[in-house]
């Protein structure tokens, strides 16, 4: 399972962009994803990987989950998947 590819696809779908338009350095803002879109993307990611993302949509800065870039989102998801397997 390639987490990176799947997350890129989910984020691209949410932004209504081609996956080639999404880079690891992209921020949700760069992609035109607002807070509601980000929540929807997180829900899709949770469903795809059967994980629970500790994300506070009302106050993302208070969350342990870094949403500052696609790379940070992928990193966080990979960590959650690894933790779940233990």
C-alpha atoms as a PDB file:
ATOM      1  CA  UNK A   1       0.000   0.000   0.000  1.00  0.00           C
ATOM      2  CA  UNK A   2       1.514   3.294  -1.071  1.00  0.00           C
ATOM      3  CA  UNK A   3       0.207   5.776   1.483  1.00  0.00           C
ATOM      4  CA  UNK A   4       1.704   8.751  -0.327  1.00  0.00           C
ATOM      5  CA  UNK A   5      -0.030   8.001  -3.631  1.00  0.00           C
ATOM      6  CA  UNK A   6      -3.373   7.361  -1.970  1.00  0.00           C
ATOM      7  CA  UNK A   7      -3.220  10.547   0.111  1.00  0.00           C
ATOM      8  CA  UNK A   8      -2.202  12.589  -2.936  1.00  0.00           C
ATOM      9  CA  UNK A   9      -5.197  11.172  -4.821  1.00  0.00           C
ATOM     10  CA  UNK A  10      -7.638  11.937  -1.988  1.00  0.00           C
ATOM     11  CA  UNK A  11      -6.319  15.493  -1.662  1.00  0.00           C
ATOM     12  CA  UNK A  12      -6.379  16.014  -5.433  1.00  0.00           C
ATOM     13  CA  UNK A  13      -9.973  14.763  -5.567  1.00  0.00           C
ATOM     14  CA  UNK A  14     -10.944  17.121  -2.749  1.00  0.00           C
ATOM     15  CA  UNK A  15      -9.277  20.063  -4.516  1.00  0.00           C
ATOM     16  CA  UNK A  16     -10.818  18.985  -7.838  1.00  0.00           C
ATOM     17  CA  UNK A  17      -7.349  18.922  -9.355  1.00  0.00           C
ATOM     18  CA  UNK A  18      -5.354  16.361 -11.270  1.00  0.00           C
ATOM     19  CA  UNK A  19      -3.057  14.419  -8.959  1.00  0.00           C
ATOM     20  CA  UNK A  20      -0.094  15.749 -10.986  1.00  0.00           C
ATOM     21  CA  UNK A  21      -1.025  19.264  -9.764  1.00  0.00           C
ATOM     22  CA  UNK A  22      -0.506  18.253  -6.125  1.00  0.00           C
ATOM     23  CA  UNK A  23       3.025  18.164  -4.738  1.00  0.00           C
ATOM     24  CA  UNK A  24       4.352  17.118  -1.365  1.00  0.00           C
ATOM     25  CA  UNK A  25       5.160  20.795  -0.698  1.00  0.00           C
ATOM     26  CA  UNK A  26       1.602  21.954  -1.447  1.00  0.00           C
ATOM     27  CA  UNK A  27      -0.395  23.405   1.411  1.00  0.00           C
ATOM     28  CA  UNK A  28      -4.167  23.048   1.611  1.00  0.00           C
ATOM     29  CA  UNK A  29      -4.368  26.785   0.904  1.00  0.00           C
ATOM     30  CA  UNK A  30      -2.201  26.412  -2.224  1.00  0.00           C
ATOM     31  CA  UNK A  31      -4.684  23.855  -3.504  1.00  0.00           C
ATOM     32  CA  UNK A  32      -7.743  25.929  -2.705  1.00  0.00           C
ATOM     33  CA  UNK A  33      -8.915  23.569   0.034  1.00  0.00           C
ATOM     34  CA  UNK A  34     -10.846  25.391   2.745  1.00  0.00           C
ATOM     35  CA  UNK A  35     -11.420  24.097   6.269  1.00  0.00           C
ATOM     36  CA  UNK A  36     -14.546  22.167   5.288  1.00  0.00           C
ATOM     37  CA  UNK A  37     -12.728  20.584   2.362  1.00  0.00           C
ATOM     38  CA  UNK A  38      -9.868  19.658   4.651  1.00  0.00           C
ATOM     39  CA  UNK A  39     -12.255  17.976   7.088  1.00  0.00           C
ATOM     40  CA  UNK A  40     -13.794  16.021   4.198  1.00  0.00           C
ATOM     41  CA  UNK A  41     -10.321  14.977   3.029  1.00  0.00           C
ATOM     42  CA  UNK A  42      -9.426  13.848   6.570  1.00  0.00           C
ATOM     43  CA  UNK A  43     -12.647  11.784   6.727  1.00  0.00           C
ATOM     44  CA  UNK A  44     -11.766  10.159   3.393  1.00  0.00           C
ATOM     45  CA  UNK A  45      -8.255   9.414   4.626  1.00  0.00           C
ATOM     46  CA  UNK A  46      -9.589   7.894   7.847  1.00  0.00           C
ATOM     47  CA  UNK A  47     -11.935   5.678   5.870  1.00  0.00           C
ATOM     48  CA  UNK A  48      -9.275   4.680   3.324  1.00  0.00           C
ATOM     49  CA  UNK A  49      -6.700   3.653   5.940  1.00  0.00           C
ATOM     50  CA  UNK A  50      -9.066   2.638   8.767  1.00  0.00           C
ATOM     51  CA  UNK A  51      -7.416   5.059  11.192  1.00  0.00           C
ATOM     52  CA  UNK A  52      -8.578   7.872  13.442  1.00  0.00           C
ATOM     53  CA  UNK A  53      -6.868  11.194  12.792  1.00  0.00           C
ATOM     54  CA  UNK A  54      -6.514  13.413  15.889  1.00  0.00           C
ATOM     55  CA  UNK A  55      -7.593  16.530  14.060  1.00  0.00           C
ATOM     56  CA  UNK A  56      -9.486  19.414  15.625  1.00  0.00           C
ATOM     57  CA  UNK A  57     -11.279  21.141  12.759  1.00  0.00           C
ATOM     58  CA  UNK A  58     -12.274  24.032  15.005  1.00  0.00           C
ATOM     59  CA  UNK A  59      -8.700  24.692  16.072  1.00  0.00           C
ATOM     60  CA  UNK A  60      -6.110  22.954  13.869  1.00  0.00           C
ATOM     61  CA  UNK A  61      -3.268  24.620  15.771  1.00  0.00           C
ATOM     62  CA  UNK A  62      -4.338  22.695  18.895  1.00  0.00           C
ATOM     63  CA  UNK A  63      -4.110  19.363  17.090  1.00  0.00           C
ATOM     64  CA  UNK A  64      -1.193  16.948  17.224  1.00  0.00           C
ATOM     65  CA  UNK A  65      -1.793  16.332  13.536  1.00  0.00           C
ATOM     66  CA  UNK A  66       0.190  18.675  11.264  1.00  0.00           C
ATOM     67  CA  UNK A  67      -1.801  19.830   8.230  1.00  0.00           C
ATOM     68  CA  UNK A  68       0.651  22.486   7.069  1.00  0.00           C
ATOM     69  CA  UNK A  69       1.583  20.612   3.884  1.00  0.00           C
ATOM     70  CA  UNK A  70       0.791  17.441   1.960  1.00  0.00           C
ATOM     71  CA  UNK A  71       4.134  15.990   3.108  1.00  0.00           C
ATOM     72  CA  UNK A  72       3.241  16.586   6.779  1.00  0.00           C
ATOM     73  CA  UNK A  73      -0.192  15.024   6.277  1.00  0.00           C
ATOM     74  CA  UNK A  74       1.371  11.927   4.673  1.00  0.00           C
ATOM     75  CA  UNK A  75       3.964  11.752   7.459  1.00  0.00           C
ATOM     76  CA  UNK A  76       1.240  11.928  10.105  1.00  0.00           C
ATOM     77  CA  UNK A  77      -0.835   9.237   8.432  1.00  0.00           C
ATOM     78  CA  UNK A  78       2.130   6.892   8.069  1.00  0.00           C
ATOM     79  CA  UNK A  79       2.836   7.368  11.788  1.00  0.00           C
ATOM     80  CA  UNK A  80      -0.794   6.630  12.708  1.00  0.00           C
ATOM     81  CA  UNK A  81      -0.797   3.484  10.551  1.00  0.00           C
ATOM     82  CA  UNK A  82       2.443   2.289  12.158  1.00  0.00           C
ATOM     83  CA  UNK A  83       1.078   2.962  15.659  1.00  0.00           C
ATOM     84  CA  UNK A  84      -2.110   1.076  14.885  1.00  0.00           C
ATOM     85  CA  UNK A  85      -0.171  -2.034  13.863  1.00  0.00           C
ATOM     86  CA  UNK A  86       1.569  -2.289  17.229  1.00  0.00           C
END
